[in-house]
Protein backbone atom coordinates (compact mmCIF):
# COMPACT_ATOMS: atom_id res chain seq x y z
CA MET A 1 0.15 0.06 0.00
CA THR A 2 1.18 3.34 -0.74
CA ASN A 3 -0.77 5.10 2.14
CA PRO A 4 -1.86 4.18 5.40
CA ILE A 5 -5.14 2.46 6.01
CA THR A 6 -6.36 5.33 8.16
CA ASP A 7 -5.85 7.36 5.16
CA LEU A 8 -8.71 6.14 3.50
CA ALA A 9 -10.88 8.17 5.83
CA LYS A 10 -9.35 11.26 4.38
CA SER A 11 -10.34 10.55 0.91
CA ASP A 12 -12.90 12.38 -0.92
CA CYS A 13 -13.01 9.55 -3.38
CA ILE A 14 -12.45 5.87 -2.93
CA LEU A 15 -12.51 3.70 -6.00
CA VAL A 16 -12.59 0.03 -4.88
CA ILE A 17 -12.09 -2.81 -7.39
CA GLY A 18 -11.91 -6.69 -7.09
CA SER A 19 -12.41 -6.07 -3.16
CA ASN A 20 -15.20 -7.16 -0.83
CA PHE A 21 -13.74 -5.64 2.30
CA ALA A 22 -16.87 -5.21 4.16
CA GLU A 23 -16.59 -9.10 4.75
CA ASN A 24 -12.85 -9.83 4.12
CA HIS A 25 -11.07 -6.78 5.45
CA PRO A 26 -13.71 -5.03 8.16
CA ILE A 27 -10.99 -3.19 9.81
CA VAL A 28 -10.28 -1.51 6.13
CA SER A 29 -14.33 -0.71 5.93
CA ARG A 30 -14.27 0.88 9.28
CA TRP A 31 -12.25 3.89 7.47
CA VAL A 32 -14.06 3.69 4.28
CA PHE A 33 -17.30 4.55 5.80
CA ASP A 34 -15.84 7.00 7.95
CA ALA A 35 -15.01 8.80 4.61
CA LYS A 36 -18.49 8.09 3.31
CA GLN A 37 -20.14 9.79 6.20
CA ARG A 38 -17.73 12.55 5.67
CA GLY A 39 -19.05 12.76 2.34
CA ALA A 40 -16.87 10.77 0.13
CA THR A 41 -18.10 9.14 -2.93
CA LEU A 42 -17.71 5.47 -2.85
CA ILE A 43 -17.35 3.54 -6.32
CA VAL A 44 -17.35 -0.37 -6.07
CA ALA A 45 -16.28 -2.42 -9.35
CA ASP A 46 -17.25 -6.20 -8.77
CA THR A 47 -18.64 -8.87 -10.28
CA ARG A 48 -21.07 -9.44 -7.40
CA PHE A 49 -23.31 -7.10 -5.52
CA THR A 50 -21.21 -7.72 -1.99
CA PRO A 51 -21.91 -6.22 1.27
CA THR A 52 -19.12 -3.73 0.22
CA ALA A 53 -21.28 -2.76 -2.98
CA TRP A 54 -24.28 -2.17 -0.69
CA GLN A 55 -22.47 1.00 0.49
CA ALA A 56 -21.51 2.44 -3.18
CA ASP A 57 -22.82 5.45 -4.59
CA ILE A 58 -21.63 4.31 -7.84
CA PHE A 59 -21.70 0.41 -8.54
CA LEU A 60 -19.94 -1.02 -11.38
CA GLN A 61 -21.19 -4.59 -12.00
CA LEU A 62 -18.65 -6.02 -14.43
CA MET A 63 -18.42 -9.39 -16.07
CA PRO A 64 -15.13 -11.60 -14.42
CA GLY A 65 -11.74 -10.60 -16.18
CA THR A 66 -12.90 -7.18 -17.85
CA ASP A 67 -11.41 -5.18 -15.27
CA THR A 68 -8.51 -3.60 -17.67
CA SER A 69 -11.29 -2.54 -20.21
CA LEU A 70 -13.08 -0.62 -17.47
CA LEU A 71 -10.17 1.26 -16.23
CA ASN A 72 -9.05 1.89 -19.75
CA ALA A 73 -12.40 3.32 -20.52
CA MET A 74 -12.48 5.57 -17.42
CA MET A 75 -9.00 7.00 -18.64
CA HIS A 76 -10.57 7.49 -21.93
CA VAL A 77 -13.15 10.02 -20.47
CA ILE A 78 -10.69 11.47 -18.16
CA LEU A 79 -8.55 12.67 -20.96
CA ALA A 80 -11.78 13.09 -23.43
CA GLU A 81 -13.05 15.52 -20.95
CA GLY A 82 -9.56 17.24 -19.91
CA LEU A 83 -9.81 16.10 -16.37
CA GLU A 84 -6.13 14.75 -16.21
CA ASN A 85 -3.61 16.39 -13.93
CA THR A 86 -1.29 17.68 -16.47
CA ALA A 87 1.42 19.16 -14.08
CA PHE A 88 1.74 15.93 -12.34
CA ILE A 89 1.88 13.93 -15.55
CA GLU A 90 4.43 16.15 -16.75
CA GLU A 91 6.80 16.69 -13.84
CA ARG A 92 6.73 13.08 -12.42
CA THR A 93 5.99 10.56 -15.24
CA THR A 94 6.81 9.22 -18.25
CA GLY A 95 4.90 7.22 -21.08
CA PHE A 96 1.98 9.37 -21.34
CA GLU A 97 1.64 9.69 -24.93
CA ALA A 98 1.83 5.62 -25.22
CA LEU A 99 -1.27 5.51 -22.65
CA ALA A 100 -3.21 8.22 -24.05
CA LYS A 101 -2.92 6.15 -27.73
CA THR A 102 -3.93 3.07 -26.08
CA VAL A 103 -6.81 4.20 -23.93
CA ALA A 104 -8.48 6.09 -26.80
CA GLY A 105 -9.42 2.62 -28.11
CA TYR A 106 -11.72 2.20 -25.39
CA PRO A 107 -14.58 4.43 -25.55
CA PRO A 108 -17.14 3.76 -22.56
CA ASP A 109 -19.68 2.40 -24.92
CA GLN A 110 -17.44 -0.16 -26.53
CA ALA A 111 -16.24 -1.15 -22.92
CA ALA A 112 -20.23 -1.26 -21.86
CA ARG A 113 -20.46 -4.11 -24.28
CA LEU A 114 -17.48 -6.20 -22.48
CA THR A 115 -17.84 -5.18 -19.42
CA ARG A 116 -21.43 -5.17 -19.06
CA VAL A 117 -20.99 -1.90 -16.97
CA PRO A 118 -23.41 1.16 -18.45
CA ALA A 119 -21.50 3.70 -20.22
CA GLU A 120 -22.99 6.24 -18.29
CA ARG A 121 -21.80 4.71 -14.97
CA ILE A 122 -18.22 4.37 -16.50
CA VAL A 123 -18.47 8.02 -17.20
CA ALA A 124 -19.71 9.00 -13.56
CA ALA A 125 -17.14 6.78 -11.95
CA ALA A 126 -14.31 8.44 -14.20
CA ARG A 127 -15.63 12.12 -13.24
CA ALA A 128 -15.66 11.57 -9.57
CA TYR A 129 -12.43 9.99 -9.45
CA ALA A 130 -10.58 12.38 -11.51
CA ASN A 131 -12.34 15.54 -9.79
CA ALA A 132 -11.82 14.47 -6.51
CA LYS A 133 -9.34 16.37 -4.38
CA ALA A 134 -7.84 13.33 -2.86
CA ALA A 135 -8.78 9.84 -4.43
CA SER A 136 -7.64 6.70 -3.14
CA LEU A 137 -7.83 3.43 -5.14
CA VAL A 138 -8.09 -0.13 -3.16
CA TYR A 139 -7.97 -3.38 -4.76
CA CYS A 140 -7.61 -7.36 -4.09
CA MET A 141 -7.78 -10.44 -5.52
CA GLY A 142 -10.58 -10.09 -7.50
CA VAL A 143 -7.91 -7.88 -9.38
CA THR A 144 -4.82 -10.16 -9.08
CA GLN A 145 -6.45 -13.63 -9.72
CA HIS A 146 -6.31 -13.57 -13.35
CA THR A 147 -3.73 -14.41 -16.19
CA CYS A 148 -3.81 -10.58 -16.81
CA GLY A 149 -3.80 -9.58 -13.00
CA THR A 150 -0.34 -7.93 -13.21
CA GLN A 151 -1.51 -5.91 -16.28
CA THR A 152 -4.64 -4.85 -14.20
CA VAL A 153 -2.43 -3.55 -11.34
CA ILE A 154 -0.14 -1.54 -13.84
CA ASN A 155 -3.61 -0.02 -15.24
CA CYS A 156 -4.41 1.03 -11.68
CA ALA A 157 -1.17 2.65 -11.32
CA ASN A 158 -1.80 4.29 -14.53
CA LEU A 159 -5.29 5.68 -13.64
CA ALA A 160 -3.65 7.19 -10.16
CA MET A 161 -0.69 8.77 -12.07
CA LEU A 162 -3.00 10.17 -14.75
CA CYS A 163 -5.11 12.14 -12.18
CA GLY A 164 -2.02 12.74 -9.90
CA GLN A 165 -3.85 10.78 -7.03
CA ILE A 166 -0.81 9.70 -5.33
CA GLY A 167 1.78 10.71 -2.75
CA ARG A 168 -0.76 12.58 -0.80
CA PRO A 169 -2.69 11.89 2.30
CA GLY A 170 -6.22 10.24 0.99
CA THR A 171 -4.55 9.29 -2.51
CA GLY A 172 -2.76 6.22 -3.38
CA VAL A 173 -2.86 2.53 -4.88
CA ASN A 174 -3.74 0.25 -1.97
CA PRO A 175 -3.65 -3.44 -2.23
CA LEU A 176 -4.97 -5.45 0.36
CA ARG A 177 -3.41 -8.35 1.47
CA GLY A 178 -5.31 -11.78 1.52
CA GLN A 179 -3.68 -13.24 4.67
CA ASP A 180 -2.09 -12.40 7.97
CA ASN A 181 1.42 -10.86 7.51
CA VAL A 182 1.62 -11.53 3.59
CA GLN A 183 3.63 -8.24 3.45
CA GLY A 184 6.08 -9.39 5.77
CA ALA A 185 6.57 -12.61 3.91
CA CYS A 186 7.07 -10.88 0.71
CA ASP A 187 9.27 -8.33 2.44
CA MET A 188 11.40 -11.23 3.70
CA GLY A 189 12.14 -12.88 0.16
CA ALA A 190 9.34 -15.56 0.31
CA LEU A 191 9.13 -15.09 -3.42
CA VAL A 192 10.88 -16.76 -6.17
CA ASN A 193 12.94 -14.01 -7.79
CA VAL A 194 13.90 -11.84 -4.80
CA TYR A 195 15.76 -12.02 -1.18
CA PRO A 196 14.76 -9.97 1.65
CA GLY A 197 14.07 -6.36 0.36
CA TYR A 198 13.34 -7.07 -2.94
CA GLN A 199 17.01 -7.40 -3.81
CA TYR A 200 17.12 -9.65 -7.08
CA VAL A 201 18.59 -13.04 -6.62
CA ALA A 202 19.91 -12.91 -10.35
CA ASP A 203 22.14 -9.92 -9.41
CA PRO A 204 25.68 -11.73 -8.85
CA ALA A 205 26.35 -8.61 -6.26
CA VAL A 206 22.93 -9.38 -4.68
CA ARG A 207 24.33 -12.65 -4.08
CA THR A 208 27.82 -12.07 -2.82
CA ARG A 209 26.29 -9.60 -0.28
CA PHE A 210 23.98 -12.51 1.19
CA ALA A 211 26.54 -15.10 1.06
CA GLU A 212 28.57 -13.05 3.32
CA ALA A 213 25.46 -12.21 5.50
CA TRP A 214 24.60 -15.99 5.71
CA ASN A 215 28.11 -17.31 6.28
CA CYS A 216 27.99 -19.57 3.15
CA PRO A 217 29.79 -19.87 -0.03
CA GLU A 218 28.35 -18.12 -2.92
CA ASP A 219 27.93 -21.21 -5.10
CA GLN A 220 25.47 -22.03 -2.86
CA LEU A 221 23.04 -19.33 -3.61
CA SER A 222 21.63 -19.57 -6.85
CA THR A 223 21.04 -16.90 -9.36
CA LYS A 224 18.10 -18.71 -10.98
CA ILE A 225 14.76 -17.84 -10.41
CA GLY A 226 12.85 -20.58 -8.35
CA LYS A 227 9.24 -22.24 -8.95
CA THR A 228 6.03 -20.65 -7.52
CA VAL A 229 3.38 -23.03 -5.79
CA VAL A 230 1.62 -24.20 -9.09
CA GLU A 231 4.88 -24.55 -11.26
CA MET A 232 6.19 -26.63 -8.35
CA THR A 233 3.10 -28.79 -8.48
CA HIS A 234 3.55 -29.69 -12.43
CA ALA A 235 7.36 -30.23 -11.62
CA ALA A 236 6.25 -32.59 -9.00
CA ASP A 237 3.80 -34.39 -11.32
CA ARG A 238 6.75 -34.80 -14.13
CA GLY A 239 8.87 -36.39 -11.29
CA GLU A 240 11.33 -33.19 -11.36
CA ILE A 241 10.64 -32.55 -7.43
CA ARG A 242 10.66 -35.76 -5.33
CA GLY A 243 10.21 -34.30 -2.07
CA MET A 244 8.40 -31.15 -0.39
CA LEU A 245 8.21 -29.36 2.58
CA VAL A 246 4.63 -27.67 3.01
CA MET A 247 4.60 -24.85 5.86
CA GLY A 248 1.45 -22.63 6.54
CA GLU A 249 -0.09 -23.69 3.26
CA ASN A 250 -3.12 -26.18 2.74
CA PRO A 251 -2.65 -26.81 -1.59
CA ILE A 252 -5.15 -29.69 -1.41
CA VAL A 253 -7.83 -27.12 -0.83
CA GLY A 254 -6.19 -23.72 -1.95
CA ASP A 255 -4.40 -24.21 -5.20
CA PRO A 256 -6.30 -24.29 -8.58
CA ASN A 257 -6.78 -27.59 -10.48
CA SER A 258 -7.06 -29.57 -7.06
CA LEU A 259 -7.35 -33.18 -8.54
CA HIS A 260 -4.08 -32.67 -10.21
CA VAL A 261 -2.59 -31.22 -7.24
CA ARG A 262 -3.47 -34.36 -5.20
CA GLN A 263 -1.96 -36.43 -8.05
CA ALA A 264 1.21 -34.56 -7.98
CA LEU A 265 1.54 -35.04 -4.17
CA ASP A 266 0.74 -38.32 -4.33
CA ARG A 267 3.76 -39.04 -6.83
CA LEU A 268 6.29 -37.37 -4.13
CA GLU A 269 8.92 -39.66 -2.71
CA PHE A 270 8.42 -37.66 0.60
CA LEU A 271 6.07 -35.04 1.84
CA ALA A 272 6.52 -33.16 5.14
CA VAL A 273 4.22 -30.83 6.67
CA ILE A 274 4.59 -28.11 9.32
CA GLU A 275 0.76 -27.59 10.31
CA LEU A 276 -1.67 -26.75 13.35
CA PHE A 277 -4.38 -29.06 12.30
CA MET A 278 -4.68 -32.20 10.52
CA SER A 279 -5.55 -30.50 7.13
CA GLU A 280 -6.29 -32.30 3.72
CA THR A 281 -3.11 -31.86 2.77
CA ALA A 282 -1.34 -32.82 6.32
CA GLU A 283 -3.42 -36.35 5.81
CA LEU A 284 -0.79 -37.00 2.78
CA ALA A 285 2.19 -36.23 4.71
CA ASP A 286 4.67 -38.84 5.74
CA VAL A 287 5.87 -36.32 8.76
CA ILE A 288 3.95 -33.64 10.27
CA LEU A 289 5.83 -31.23 12.24
CA PRO A 290 3.72 -29.63 14.81
CA ALA A 291 3.40 -25.60 14.52
CA ALA A 292 2.91 -22.97 17.09
CA SER A 293 0.00 -20.69 16.31
CA PHE A 294 -0.11 -17.09 16.09
CA ALA A 295 -0.89 -16.50 20.03
CA GLU A 296 2.01 -18.76 20.96
CA LYS A 297 4.67 -17.09 19.02
CA ARG A 298 6.73 -13.50 19.10
CA GLY A 299 8.52 -11.69 16.72
CA THR A 300 7.71 -8.91 14.02
CA LYS A 301 4.78 -8.87 11.85
CA THR A 302 4.10 -6.42 9.01
CA THR A 303 0.54 -5.13 7.98
CA THR A 304 -0.97 -4.68 5.06
CA ASP A 305 0.19 -1.05 4.95
CA ARG A 306 3.86 -1.77 5.67
CA ARG A 307 3.70 -1.16 9.59
CA VAL A 308 6.25 -3.31 11.07
CA GLN A 309 4.79 -4.18 14.66
CA TRP A 310 6.50 -6.26 17.28
CA LEU A 311 4.03 -8.93 19.11
CA GLU A 312 4.63 -11.09 22.43
CA LYS A 313 3.18 -14.52 22.76
CA ALA A 314 0.03 -14.72 24.74
CA VAL A 315 0.20 -18.29 25.83
CA GLU A 316 2.67 -20.97 25.64
CA PRO A 317 2.78 -23.59 22.71
CA VAL A 318 0.58 -26.39 23.06
CA GLY A 319 1.93 -29.90 23.52
CA ARG A 320 5.38 -30.17 21.27
CA SER A 321 4.36 -27.66 18.97
CA ARG A 322 6.98 -25.13 18.34
CA PRO A 323 7.47 -21.83 16.28
CA ASP A 324 8.22 -22.29 12.67
CA TRP A 325 11.43 -20.67 13.01
CA ARG A 326 12.92 -22.80 15.57
CA ILE A 327 11.53 -25.69 13.19
CA LEU A 328 13.60 -24.25 10.20
CA CYS A 329 16.72 -23.83 12.16
CA ASP A 330 16.50 -27.40 13.37
CA LEU A 331 15.91 -28.82 9.83
CA ALA A 332 19.05 -26.72 8.67
CA GLY A 333 21.15 -28.08 11.41
CA ARG A 334 20.44 -31.57 10.29
CA MET A 335 21.17 -30.75 7.11
CA GLY A 336 24.62 -29.50 8.03
CA LEU A 337 23.78 -25.71 7.68
CA GLN A 338 24.29 -24.84 11.52
CA GLU A 339 26.56 -21.65 11.12
CA SER A 340 24.07 -20.02 8.73
CA PHE A 341 21.02 -20.67 11.00
CA ALA A 342 22.52 -20.01 14.44
CA TYR A 343 19.75 -17.65 15.73
CA SER A 344 18.98 -18.27 19.60
CA SER A 345 15.85 -15.53 19.76
CA GLU A 346 13.67 -13.75 17.54
CA GLU A 347 15.51 -10.66 18.43
CA ASP A 348 18.81 -12.51 16.50
CA ILE A 349 16.60 -13.02 13.58
CA LEU A 350 15.21 -9.34 13.44
CA ALA A 351 19.07 -8.15 13.73
CA GLU A 352 19.71 -10.04 10.71
CA ILE A 353 16.73 -8.51 9.11
CA ARG A 354 18.01 -5.03 9.78
CA ARG A 355 21.54 -5.83 8.28
CA VAL A 356 20.26 -7.10 4.87
CA THR A 357 17.11 -5.33 4.34
CA PRO A 358 17.77 -1.61 3.88
CA SER A 359 14.16 -0.73 4.60
CA TYR A 360 13.90 -2.64 7.98
CA ALA A 361 17.46 -1.12 8.95
CA GLY A 362 16.11 1.24 11.66
CA LEU A 363 13.57 -1.17 13.17
CA ALA A 364 15.02 -2.28 16.36
CA PRO A 365 13.19 -4.27 18.90
CA ASP A 366 13.13 -1.94 21.92
CA ARG A 367 11.94 0.72 19.42
CA LEU A 368 8.97 -1.48 17.83
CA ARG A 369 8.03 -2.57 21.47
CA SER A 370 7.65 1.13 22.31
CA THR A 371 5.55 1.85 19.35
CA PRO A 372 2.35 -0.17 19.48
CA GLY A 373 1.08 0.75 16.16
CA GLY A 374 4.02 -0.11 14.65
CA ILE A 375 6.39 1.74 12.37
CA PRO A 376 6.01 1.72 8.67
CA TRP A 377 8.73 1.05 5.98
CA PRO A 378 11.21 2.27 4.43
CA CYS A 379 12.78 2.87 8.04
CA PRO A 380 16.39 3.32 7.21
CA GLU A 381 17.65 4.52 10.07
CA ALA A 382 17.57 4.36 14.14
CA ASP A 383 16.05 7.88 14.19
CA HIS A 384 13.86 7.72 11.13
CA PRO A 385 10.21 8.34 11.81
CA GLY A 386 9.08 5.57 8.91
CA THR A 387 7.42 6.30 6.03
CA PRO A 388 3.33 6.34 6.19
CA ILE A 389 3.14 7.66 2.47
CA LEU A 390 5.27 6.70 -0.39
CA HIS A 391 6.02 8.72 -3.68
CA THR A 392 5.47 11.97 -1.79
CA HIS A 393 8.39 13.79 -3.86
CA ALA A 394 9.30 11.07 -6.42
CA PHE A 395 9.19 7.43 -7.07
CA ALA A 396 11.47 5.00 -6.06
CA ARG A 397 13.20 4.25 -9.68
CA PRO A 398 15.92 5.92 -11.58
CA GLY A 399 15.14 9.60 -12.48
CA GLY A 400 12.41 9.54 -9.94
CA ARG A 401 9.44 9.24 -12.42
CA GLY A 402 6.79 7.36 -12.39
CA VAL A 403 6.15 5.17 -15.89
CA MET A 404 2.80 4.95 -17.52
CA GLN A 405 2.25 1.74 -19.21
CA PRO A 406 -0.50 0.97 -21.77
CA VAL A 407 -2.46 -2.21 -21.07
CA GLU A 408 -4.60 -3.69 -23.91
CA TYR A 409 -7.31 -5.83 -22.83
CA GLN A 410 -6.67 -9.60 -22.94
CA PRO A 411 -9.57 -12.21 -22.44
CA PRO A 412 -9.37 -15.09 -19.84
CA ALA A 413 -7.39 -18.21 -20.46
CA GLU A 414 -10.54 -20.21 -20.36
CA GLU A 415 -13.48 -18.85 -22.23
CA THR A 416 -16.98 -20.04 -22.44
CA SER A 417 -18.48 -22.47 -24.98
CA THR A 418 -21.28 -24.97 -25.81
CA ASP A 419 -20.28 -27.56 -23.41
CA PHE A 420 -19.24 -24.99 -20.76
CA PRO A 421 -21.65 -22.01 -21.11
CA LEU A 422 -21.04 -20.31 -17.83
CA VAL A 423 -18.26 -18.18 -16.01
CA LEU A 424 -17.32 -19.37 -12.75
CA THR A 425 -15.67 -16.95 -10.42
CA SER A 426 -14.89 -17.76 -6.55
CA GLY A 427 -13.93 -15.73 -3.38
CA ARG A 428 -14.18 -15.62 0.38
CA VAL A 429 -17.30 -15.19 2.79
CA VAL A 430 -17.49 -13.76 6.03
CA MET A 431 -17.76 -16.81 8.06
CA HIS A 432 -14.76 -18.79 6.75
CA TYR A 433 -11.10 -18.02 6.33
CA ASN A 434 -8.74 -19.21 3.35
CA THR A 435 -8.79 -23.00 3.15
CA GLY A 436 -11.06 -23.45 6.09
CA ALA A 437 -8.74 -25.47 8.20
CA MET A 438 -9.32 -23.64 11.16
CA THR A 439 -12.87 -21.92 10.66
CA ARG A 440 -14.60 -25.31 9.52
CA ARG A 441 -13.54 -26.60 12.85
CA THR A 442 -14.93 -23.61 14.58
CA ARG A 443 -18.45 -25.00 15.64
CA ALA A 444 -20.15 -21.49 15.62
CA LEU A 445 -18.84 -20.43 12.23
CA PHE A 446 -19.53 -23.87 10.70
CA ARG A 447 -23.12 -24.13 11.50
CA ARG A 448 -23.63 -20.76 10.08
CA GLU A 449 -22.06 -21.93 6.72
CA PRO A 450 -21.74 -25.56 6.90
CA GLU A 451 -21.78 -26.73 3.18
CA LEU A 452 -20.53 -25.41 -0.21
CA PHE A 453 -23.02 -23.09 -1.58
CA LEU A 454 -23.30 -21.46 -5.57
CA GLN A 455 -24.76 -17.98 -6.05
CA ILE A 456 -26.94 -18.19 -9.60
CA HIS A 457 -29.05 -15.45 -10.93
CA PRO A 458 -32.88 -16.46 -11.37
CA ASP A 459 -32.69 -16.06 -15.11
CA THR A 460 -29.69 -18.75 -15.28
CA ALA A 461 -31.07 -20.76 -12.65
CA GLU A 462 -34.40 -21.17 -14.87
CA ARG A 463 -32.36 -21.69 -17.84
CA PHE A 464 -30.61 -24.74 -16.04
CA GLY A 465 -33.81 -26.00 -14.51
CA ILE A 466 -32.25 -25.24 -11.30
CA VAL A 467 -34.38 -24.14 -7.89
CA SER A 468 -33.08 -22.36 -4.97
CA GLY A 469 -32.27 -24.65 -2.08
CA SER A 470 -31.77 -27.74 -4.42
CA ALA A 471 -28.67 -29.43 -4.85
CA ALA A 472 -26.74 -28.92 -8.32
CA ARG A 473 -23.57 -30.23 -9.91
CA VAL A 474 -20.90 -27.61 -11.33
CA ILE A 475 -18.77 -29.10 -13.95
CA SER A 476 -15.70 -27.77 -15.64
CA ARG A 477 -12.94 -29.26 -17.92
CA ARG A 478 -10.92 -30.44 -14.44
CA GLY A 479 -13.43 -31.81 -12.34
CA ALA A 480 -17.00 -31.72 -10.70
CA ALA A 481 -18.51 -30.39 -7.42
CA VAL A 482 -21.90 -30.51 -5.67
CA ALA A 483 -23.35 -27.42 -4.06
CA ARG A 484 -26.46 -25.90 -2.40
CA VAL A 485 -28.03 -23.52 -4.72
CA ARG A 486 -28.92 -20.08 -3.78
CA VAL A 487 -30.65 -17.96 -6.31
CA THR A 488 -29.94 -14.25 -6.28
CA ARG A 489 -29.81 -11.26 -8.31
CA GLN A 490 -26.51 -9.93 -6.67
CA ILE A 491 -24.45 -11.82 -9.50
CA PRO A 492 -25.02 -11.30 -13.19
CA THR A 493 -26.81 -13.72 -15.75
CA GLY A 494 -24.01 -16.27 -17.02
CA VAL A 495 -21.95 -16.23 -13.82
CA ILE A 496 -22.08 -18.54 -10.88
CA PHE A 497 -20.08 -17.91 -7.62
CA LEU A 498 -18.49 -20.45 -5.22
CA PRO A 499 -16.56 -19.70 -2.14
CA PHE A 500 -13.41 -21.38 -1.98
CA HIS A 501 -12.98 -22.31 1.66
CA PHE A 502 -14.36 -25.81 0.66
CA PRO A 503 -12.38 -28.69 -0.95
CA ALA A 504 -14.49 -29.05 -4.02
CA THR A 505 -14.22 -25.46 -5.18
CA ASN A 506 -10.81 -25.58 -6.57
CA ARG A 507 -11.38 -28.93 -8.19
CA LEU A 508 -12.91 -26.71 -10.94
CA THR A 509 -10.60 -23.76 -11.15
CA THR A 510 -7.83 -23.41 -13.89
CA ASP A 511 -4.13 -23.31 -13.17
CA ALA A 512 -3.13 -21.20 -15.92
CA LEU A 513 -0.98 -18.48 -14.75
CA ASP A 514 -0.29 -14.75 -15.06
CA PRO A 515 2.82 -14.83 -17.23
CA THR A 516 4.53 -12.10 -14.55
CA ALA A 517 3.19 -12.88 -11.25
CA LYS A 518 2.88 -16.58 -11.69
CA ILE A 519 -0.86 -16.24 -9.92
CA PRO A 520 -3.54 -18.53 -11.05
CA GLU A 521 -6.92 -17.60 -12.60
CA TYR A 522 -9.08 -18.34 -9.79
CA LYS A 523 -11.63 -15.88 -10.78
CA VAL A 524 -12.62 -17.36 -14.24
CA ALA A 525 -13.44 -20.59 -15.32
CA ALA A 526 -15.82 -22.19 -17.99
CA CYS A 527 -18.61 -24.42 -16.44
CA ARG A 528 -21.86 -25.95 -16.84
CA ILE A 529 -24.55 -26.84 -14.20
CA GLU A 530 -27.15 -29.62 -13.90
CA PRO A 531 -29.63 -30.32 -10.88
CA VAL A 532 -28.75 -33.57 -9.08
CA ASP A 533 -30.63 -35.48 -6.13
CA GLU A 534 -30.40 -34.11 -2.72
CA THR A 535 -28.42 -37.08 -1.66
CA ALA A 536 -25.46 -36.08 -3.69
CA ILE A 537 -24.66 -33.17 -1.07
CA ALA A 538 -24.17 -35.84 1.64
CA ARG A 539 -21.92 -37.74 -0.64
CA ASP A 540 -19.92 -34.58 -1.78
CA PRO A 541 -20.59 -31.91 0.89
CA GLY A 542 -17.80 -29.75 -0.44
């Protein structure tokens, strides 16, 4: 996020695209609704009429995978009506001419045919965002989980720069992270192409620096970019990966094309899982190493808006469970890497983080303990106050200018056909979290949402002979799932929705990847539906 969460309350216009934060990020929604009470305009672009959309002044109900066209059409309106921030463009960006040429080909009436958003609403949204003194843009996985996800994020940045809505309170481009401490994991190098601090593994100078920091020969650190989760699954299926350690993940439920995932994990010679619960993936493991929960650990976490916080454990770990870092250090020691993993405490680990991650250099434990709300990085020195807002005077790249990159619409990897005439999209619901490993074990939550359900428009339901409350089978090119039907006008015709917290949903999704970020296209899959007998729910409860 370029701005603090609390900055949302200072916005005059908030554009939310691909996020249902009222259910999934309720703390964020608090600040947005504060802004609304102050008179801010809320624009929500989503496939479903969600609880977030209920609050919208302008609701843009678009077809899954058409976000790029919507943003291009908004920029078309802004340029056609002279609403762009010319001073910001000239002083702080490059690439404007190419962007203007591209968006000229996306008039609102043309975009309306593809997105199904009425042209007049596109125009209204563009004017509200561009004319606001301070406008912020918020996005989440509804944008990123597409084969064009990276391109759409680039287009979000294009829109913000075009209107000069960045670098000030109440502005910015603000992604909401899907899980606890995702931002911190990325900062620490839990990505295939970077070390901590987003330092590229392919850079020989970076490798030299980390070999010295980790007390190991340089040739032990590869300059090759690694494999992401889906790529590892395919490699395992081909026999190229023979052993795997799964930590904090439940790929049997959470990964796309999950029947293939199970097949790939079955082919491993050895599978170890670090887990709190006997998840669907843990059931396949040769060895399970019991992990401590968040309440049983101490150390730092980084929030979605880059605030680094120090947390102390609330209770002692149960049984033989231990914090993840201790498990990893013991594993490394048994592999002969004792010197590189010679940590005795969480403070030792943070000390190394500060040495190798320039943006964390000023974040000492005592300082973090005395700052309960946390300190936002970059914080390069001990007396630095932290950086709540990014890009206030310049962008963090050579020359200090932001780059506008034109983005063309590209269709989803899988389009509808005669055999698979419907679009399946997936997402979260308020009662469950992620793969349900915890919430499906929580009696009060499970009682409220005990089985897989599908949302379908009344016209689509009538077309396929589906009745609300009945059971239906959803079939894609990869598998099938049975779900309880909920007929609702909150979803467009031709589209169905399944929550991904239940094991059956990702049997259906495609493992086609964004070529840059390698994120799977969870949000678009071609499918068909058919009514089934009620007993099918009992046989396949999701």
